[in-house]
Protein backbone atom coordinates (compact mmCIF):
# COMPACT_ATOMS: atom_id res chain seq x y z
CA MET A 1 -56.82 -18.12 5.48
CA SER A 2 -60.17 -19.66 4.60
CA LYS A 3 -62.17 -20.98 7.55
CA GLY A 4 -64.23 -23.33 5.41
CA LEU A 5 -63.04 -26.34 7.40
CA GLY A 6 -63.32 -24.65 10.76
CA ASP A 7 -60.44 -25.08 13.19
CA LYS A 8 -59.23 -28.38 11.76
CA LEU A 9 -55.59 -29.04 10.95
CA VAL A 10 -55.63 -29.21 7.12
CA LEU A 11 -52.97 -30.99 5.07
CA ALA A 12 -52.95 -30.89 1.28
CA ILE A 13 -50.90 -33.59 -0.40
CA SER A 14 -50.10 -34.56 -3.98
CA SER A 15 -50.79 -38.10 -5.22
CA ARG A 16 -47.05 -38.74 -5.82
CA ALA A 17 -46.23 -37.82 -2.21
CA LEU A 18 -48.97 -40.07 -0.87
CA PHE A 19 -48.43 -43.06 -3.18
CA ASP A 20 -45.60 -44.71 -5.09
CA LEU A 21 -46.24 -43.49 -8.62
CA ARG A 22 -42.71 -43.90 -9.95
CA GLU A 23 -43.69 -46.18 -12.81
CA SER A 24 -46.56 -44.06 -14.09
CA HIS A 25 -44.41 -40.92 -13.73
CA ARG A 26 -41.74 -42.63 -15.86
CA VAL A 27 -44.40 -43.13 -18.53
CA TYR A 28 -45.34 -39.45 -18.30
CA GLU A 29 -41.72 -38.28 -18.64
CA THR A 30 -40.75 -40.62 -21.47
CA GLU A 31 -44.02 -40.93 -23.47
CA GLY A 32 -46.06 -37.83 -22.68
CA VAL A 33 -49.40 -36.83 -21.26
CA GLU A 34 -51.69 -39.00 -23.40
CA ALA A 35 -49.64 -42.15 -22.78
CA TYR A 36 -49.71 -41.36 -19.06
CA ARG A 37 -53.48 -40.90 -19.14
CA GLN A 38 -53.98 -44.22 -20.91
CA TYR A 39 -51.59 -45.97 -18.54
CA GLN A 40 -53.50 -44.74 -15.49
CA ILE A 41 -56.88 -45.78 -16.95
CA GLU A 42 -55.56 -49.26 -17.85
CA HIS A 43 -54.16 -49.70 -14.31
CA GLU A 44 -56.82 -47.90 -12.31
CA GLU A 45 -57.90 -51.11 -10.53
CA GLU A 46 -54.32 -51.81 -9.43
CA ILE A 47 -53.74 -50.56 -5.92
CA LEU A 48 -50.88 -48.13 -5.45
CA ALA A 49 -48.26 -48.85 -2.79
CA PRO A 50 -47.71 -46.27 -0.04
CA GLY A 51 -45.41 -43.37 -0.87
CA ASP A 52 -42.95 -41.49 1.30
CA ALA A 53 -45.56 -39.33 3.09
CA PHE A 54 -48.11 -42.16 3.53
CA PRO A 55 -47.16 -43.01 7.17
CA LEU A 56 -47.44 -39.33 8.16
CA VAL A 57 -50.91 -39.07 6.61
CA GLU A 58 -52.02 -42.34 8.19
CA LYS A 59 -50.96 -41.18 11.66
CA LEU A 60 -52.50 -37.71 11.27
CA LEU A 61 -55.83 -39.19 10.25
CA ALA A 62 -55.71 -41.67 13.17
CA LEU A 63 -55.90 -38.68 15.51
CA ASN A 64 -59.54 -38.26 14.48
CA GLY A 65 -60.31 -41.69 15.93
CA SER A 66 -58.37 -40.97 19.10
CA LEU A 67 -60.30 -37.72 19.64
CA GLY A 68 -63.64 -39.09 18.53
CA GLN A 69 -64.15 -36.17 16.14
CA GLN A 70 -62.85 -34.89 12.80
CA ARG A 71 -60.00 -32.62 13.85
CA VAL A 72 -57.64 -33.42 10.93
CA GLU A 73 -58.50 -33.07 7.26
CA VAL A 74 -56.30 -34.42 4.47
CA ILE A 75 -57.06 -33.26 0.94
CA LEU A 76 -55.63 -34.81 -2.22
CA VAL A 77 -54.39 -31.91 -4.40
CA SER A 78 -53.15 -33.14 -7.75
CA ARG A 79 -52.04 -31.96 -11.17
CA ASN A 80 -53.96 -34.94 -12.57
CA SER A 81 -57.41 -34.77 -14.04
CA ALA A 82 -60.27 -36.53 -12.22
CA ASP A 83 -60.12 -39.14 -14.97
CA THR A 84 -56.52 -40.13 -14.24
CA GLY A 85 -56.96 -39.49 -10.52
CA LEU A 86 -59.47 -42.35 -10.13
CA ARG A 87 -56.63 -44.75 -9.42
CA ALA A 88 -55.51 -42.65 -6.48
CA PHE A 89 -58.99 -42.62 -4.99
CA ASN A 90 -59.34 -46.36 -5.46
CA SER A 91 -56.07 -46.74 -3.55
CA ILE A 92 -57.23 -44.36 -0.81
CA GLN A 93 -60.31 -46.51 -0.27
CA HIS A 94 -58.28 -49.71 -0.32
CA HIS A 95 -55.88 -48.45 2.34
CA GLY A 96 -58.74 -47.19 4.49
CA LEU A 97 -57.59 -43.57 4.54
CA GLY A 98 -60.21 -41.03 5.62
CA ILE A 99 -59.73 -38.76 2.61
CA SER A 100 -62.88 -37.58 0.86
CA ARG A 101 -61.92 -34.22 -0.64
CA ALA A 102 -59.75 -33.62 -3.67
CA ALA A 103 -58.74 -31.01 -6.23
CA PHE A 104 -57.68 -32.32 -9.66
CA VAL A 105 -56.39 -29.30 -11.61
CA GLY A 106 -55.60 -30.82 -14.99
CA GLY A 107 -51.88 -30.12 -15.33
CA ARG A 108 -51.83 -26.74 -13.64
CA SER A 109 -50.28 -25.78 -10.34
CA PRO A 110 -52.65 -26.53 -7.44
CA ASP A 111 -51.28 -23.88 -5.06
CA PRO A 112 -54.02 -21.26 -5.81
CA TYR A 113 -56.55 -23.65 -4.21
CA LEU A 114 -54.66 -24.03 -0.91
CA ALA A 115 -56.27 -20.86 0.51
CA ALA A 116 -59.73 -22.07 -0.47
CA PHE A 117 -59.25 -25.18 1.63
CA GLY A 118 -57.54 -23.30 4.49
CA CYS A 119 -54.42 -25.47 4.32
CA HIS A 120 -51.75 -25.40 7.01
CA LEU A 121 -49.30 -27.59 5.07
CA PHE A 122 -48.80 -28.69 1.47
CA LEU A 123 -46.63 -31.72 0.62
CA SER A 124 -45.65 -32.55 -2.93
CA THR A 125 -42.87 -34.06 -5.03
CA HIS A 126 -43.19 -31.17 -7.51
CA ALA A 127 -40.66 -28.61 -6.36
CA GLU A 128 -42.05 -25.73 -8.37
CA ASP A 129 -45.50 -26.17 -6.86
CA VAL A 130 -43.93 -26.16 -3.41
CA ARG A 131 -42.03 -22.95 -4.11
CA SER A 132 -45.23 -21.31 -5.38
CA ALA A 133 -47.08 -22.35 -2.25
CA LEU A 134 -44.34 -20.92 -0.04
CA LYS A 135 -44.41 -17.63 -1.94
CA ALA A 136 -48.15 -17.53 -1.33
CA GLY A 137 -47.55 -17.82 2.42
CA PHE A 138 -48.23 -21.52 3.03
CA GLY A 139 -46.08 -24.04 4.80
CA ALA A 140 -44.90 -26.40 2.07
CA ALA A 141 -42.19 -28.99 1.47
CA THR A 142 -40.90 -31.18 -1.30
CA ILE A 143 -40.99 -34.78 -0.11
CA LEU A 144 -37.75 -36.48 -1.03
CA SER A 145 -37.90 -40.04 -2.34
CA GLY A 146 -36.21 -42.88 -0.56
CA GLY A 147 -36.58 -41.60 2.97
CA ALA A 148 -36.32 -44.25 5.67
CA ARG A 149 -39.48 -45.16 7.51
CA ARG A 150 -39.84 -45.36 11.23
CA ALA A 151 -40.80 -48.65 12.84
CA ALA A 152 -44.52 -49.11 13.35
CA SER A 153 -45.83 -46.96 16.17
CA THR A 154 -49.09 -45.17 16.96
CA GLU A 155 -47.14 -42.09 18.12
CA LEU A 156 -46.70 -39.28 15.61
CA ARG A 157 -43.28 -37.63 15.78
CA ILE A 158 -42.45 -34.56 13.72
CA ALA A 159 -39.10 -32.69 13.74
CA PHE A 160 -38.43 -29.21 12.43
CA ASP A 161 -35.39 -27.14 11.66
CA GLY A 162 -35.59 -23.59 13.05
CA ASP A 163 -34.41 -20.74 10.83
CA ALA A 164 -36.38 -20.40 7.53
CA VAL A 165 -38.75 -23.18 8.66
CA LEU A 166 -40.35 -22.39 12.03
CA PHE A 167 -38.76 -18.95 12.15
CA SER A 168 -37.90 -16.31 9.57
CA ASP A 169 -34.49 -16.45 7.91
CA GLU A 170 -33.28 -13.13 9.33
CA SER A 171 -30.62 -14.77 11.57
CA GLU A 172 -29.51 -17.16 8.82
CA ARG A 173 -28.86 -14.15 6.62
CA VAL A 174 -26.57 -12.70 9.24
CA TYR A 175 -24.70 -16.02 9.46
CA GLN A 176 -24.30 -16.46 5.71
CA GLN A 177 -23.30 -12.86 5.12
CA GLY A 178 -21.08 -12.31 8.17
CA GLY A 179 -20.03 -15.74 9.45
CA LEU A 180 -20.38 -17.48 12.80
CA ALA A 181 -18.89 -14.72 14.96
CA ALA A 182 -21.28 -12.11 13.48
CA PHE A 183 -24.20 -14.48 13.95
CA GLN A 184 -23.41 -15.15 17.60
CA THR A 185 -22.91 -11.45 18.34
CA HIS A 186 -26.18 -10.62 16.61
CA GLU A 187 -28.12 -13.28 18.51
CA ARG A 188 -26.60 -12.30 21.85
CA GLU A 189 -27.52 -8.65 21.28
CA SER A 190 -30.98 -9.61 20.02
CA ALA A 191 -31.71 -12.25 22.66
CA ARG A 192 -34.86 -10.45 23.86
CA GLU A 193 -36.09 -9.55 20.37
CA LEU A 194 -38.57 -12.07 19.06
CA LEU A 195 -37.87 -13.94 15.83
CA GLY A 196 -40.34 -13.56 13.01
CA GLY A 197 -42.50 -16.52 12.14
CA GLY A 198 -41.46 -18.82 9.33
CA PRO A 199 -43.65 -20.69 6.85
CA PHE A 200 -44.24 -23.62 9.23
CA LYS A 201 -45.38 -21.56 12.20
CA PRO A 202 -49.13 -22.03 11.36
CA PHE A 203 -48.70 -25.79 11.00
CA LEU A 204 -46.80 -26.02 14.29
CA ALA A 205 -49.53 -23.93 15.98
CA ALA A 206 -52.24 -26.25 14.62
CA LEU A 207 -50.32 -29.29 15.86
CA HIS A 208 -49.97 -27.65 19.27
CA ARG A 209 -53.72 -27.05 19.47
CA LEU A 210 -54.26 -30.74 18.77
CA GLN A 211 -51.77 -31.70 21.46
CA GLN A 212 -53.70 -29.65 23.99
CA GLU A 213 -56.80 -31.77 23.37
CA PHE A 214 -55.04 -34.82 24.87
CA ALA A 215 -53.88 -35.35 28.40
CA GLN A 216 -50.18 -34.51 28.37
CA GLU A 217 -49.11 -37.95 29.53
CA ALA A 218 -51.23 -39.65 26.84
CA CYS A 219 -50.63 -37.33 23.88
CA PRO A 220 -49.83 -39.32 20.67
CA ILE A 221 -48.10 -36.27 19.06
CA ARG A 222 -44.51 -35.39 19.84
CA THR A 223 -42.62 -32.47 18.27
CA ALA A 224 -38.95 -31.56 18.21
CA LEU A 225 -36.77 -28.66 17.14
CA VAL A 226 -33.49 -29.89 15.63
CA THR A 227 -31.31 -26.87 14.85
CA ALA A 228 -27.68 -26.10 14.14
CA ARG A 229 -27.88 -23.23 16.66
CA SER A 230 -26.08 -23.43 19.99
CA ALA A 231 -25.60 -21.17 23.02
CA PRO A 232 -25.82 -18.17 23.08
CA ALA A 233 -28.21 -18.30 20.08
CA HIS A 234 -30.63 -20.63 21.91
CA GLU A 235 -32.15 -17.89 24.11
CA ARG A 236 -33.90 -16.05 21.33
CA VAL A 237 -35.53 -19.23 20.08
CA ILE A 238 -36.81 -20.14 23.57
CA ARG A 239 -38.23 -16.69 24.18
CA THR A 240 -39.94 -16.64 20.77
CA LEU A 241 -41.67 -19.97 21.30
CA ARG A 242 -42.69 -18.84 24.78
CA ASP A 243 -44.26 -15.70 23.31
CA TRP A 244 -46.11 -17.79 20.72
CA ASN A 245 -47.41 -19.97 23.59
CA ILE A 246 -46.24 -23.03 21.70
CA ARG A 247 -44.58 -25.97 23.43
CA LEU A 248 -42.05 -28.15 21.65
CA ASP A 249 -41.63 -31.48 23.39
CA GLU A 250 -37.91 -31.75 22.63
CA SER A 251 -35.26 -29.26 21.44
CA TYR A 252 -31.77 -29.98 20.18
CA PHE A 253 -29.23 -27.21 19.76
CA LEU A 254 -26.45 -28.99 17.90
CA GLY A 255 -23.94 -26.26 17.20
CA GLY A 256 -23.28 -27.46 13.65
CA LEU A 257 -23.20 -31.22 14.41
CA GLU A 258 -24.93 -33.58 11.96
CA LYS A 259 -28.65 -33.90 12.56
CA ALA A 260 -29.16 -37.45 11.29
CA ALA A 261 -28.18 -39.28 14.49
CA ILE A 262 -30.53 -37.11 16.60
CA LEU A 263 -33.38 -37.58 14.16
CA GLU A 264 -32.87 -41.36 14.15
CA THR A 265 -32.79 -41.47 17.96
CA PHE A 266 -35.87 -39.24 18.20
CA GLY A 267 -37.62 -41.58 15.78
CA ALA A 268 -39.10 -38.84 13.62
CA ASP A 269 -41.82 -39.74 11.11
CA VAL A 270 -40.81 -36.70 9.09
CA PHE A 271 -38.22 -33.90 9.28
CA PHE A 272 -38.47 -30.49 7.62
CA ASP A 273 -35.37 -28.43 6.77
CA ASP A 274 -34.61 -25.54 4.39
CA GLN A 275 -31.07 -26.58 3.46
CA ALA A 276 -30.74 -29.16 0.70
CA GLY A 277 -27.48 -30.54 2.14
CA HIS A 278 -29.06 -31.23 5.49
CA CYS A 279 -32.03 -32.89 3.79
CA GLU A 280 -29.85 -35.21 1.76
CA LYS A 281 -28.18 -36.52 4.91
CA ALA A 282 -31.41 -36.68 6.93
CA ARG A 283 -33.28 -38.65 4.27
CA GLU A 284 -31.00 -41.61 4.94
CA VAL A 285 -32.69 -42.11 8.33
CA VAL A 286 -36.06 -40.34 8.13
CA ALA A 287 -38.66 -39.25 5.58
CA THR A 288 -37.62 -35.68 4.77
CA GLY A 289 -39.28 -32.59 3.38
CA HIS A 290 -37.14 -29.88 1.81
CA VAL A 291 -38.49 -26.37 2.43
CA PRO A 292 -37.10 -24.24 -0.43
CA HIS A 293 -37.42 -20.99 1.46
CA GLY A 294 -35.08 -18.26 2.62
CA ILE A 295 -31.54 -17.21 1.77
CA SER A 296 -30.23 -20.77 1.45
CA ASN A 297 -32.52 -21.28 -1.54
CA GLU A 298 -31.96 -17.97 -3.31
CA PRO A 299 -29.90 -17.95 -6.54
CA GLN A 300 -26.22 -17.32 -5.92
CA LEU A 301 -25.01 -14.15 -7.63
């Protein structure tokens, strides 16, 4: 990973994840690229409303003020050209977001540039770009539209699924191929074998480093694991996180229960999960990012 931005936490985000661009995207889909370009130029002085990932970005950038130094960098990474992207930058300035870097790649996938910026996480509404980023080894998620927003708070709360998100999908493969009994037997026998890291391990590690810069009782970042695992499969997860020297503030082993109620009670600003069905239910109560990674997202033969 590039170290061009030092040890900062680096988030790359598309303009459609950051702002509400539904109307201009409708123009693009129904009338084509040139009509879209003209529409954006004609409306470039009109400020865009916040999109689904806006509150997350706002709270991440606020950490810089709390720490008195630039420890978080957010980069706008867009398929737009700089010409059509001017409206997004005007809106960034209007909303007072501390975003000064951008990559406008003129209709091509932006994922090759994630390494150059040293990104820990890429958020987009373009599913194919997200899949490409994951294949390249970056944490990435497709932000789903319509996610509920948490009540105003200065505390940043992020929830993660476990398998295929924080961890590899090795255990999920056992479950899907052999069923619950095979999964539980495998996890019991492998309790002292560490899980491999998933695509979101680097992002979680970067968050944890930020948390350590605050006094524990005053830390504005709170993280949670919300997983369908239950005992005896919990032990391997705990031992793996302990080996990584990463602390999660809260952990929920739900044993197959719905996650939405826990996420709502936790008050997550965003939740990341690899399974589309879980995401569809979670998005009713929290902004949700689908992580199209692992066996649950492979084509069914």
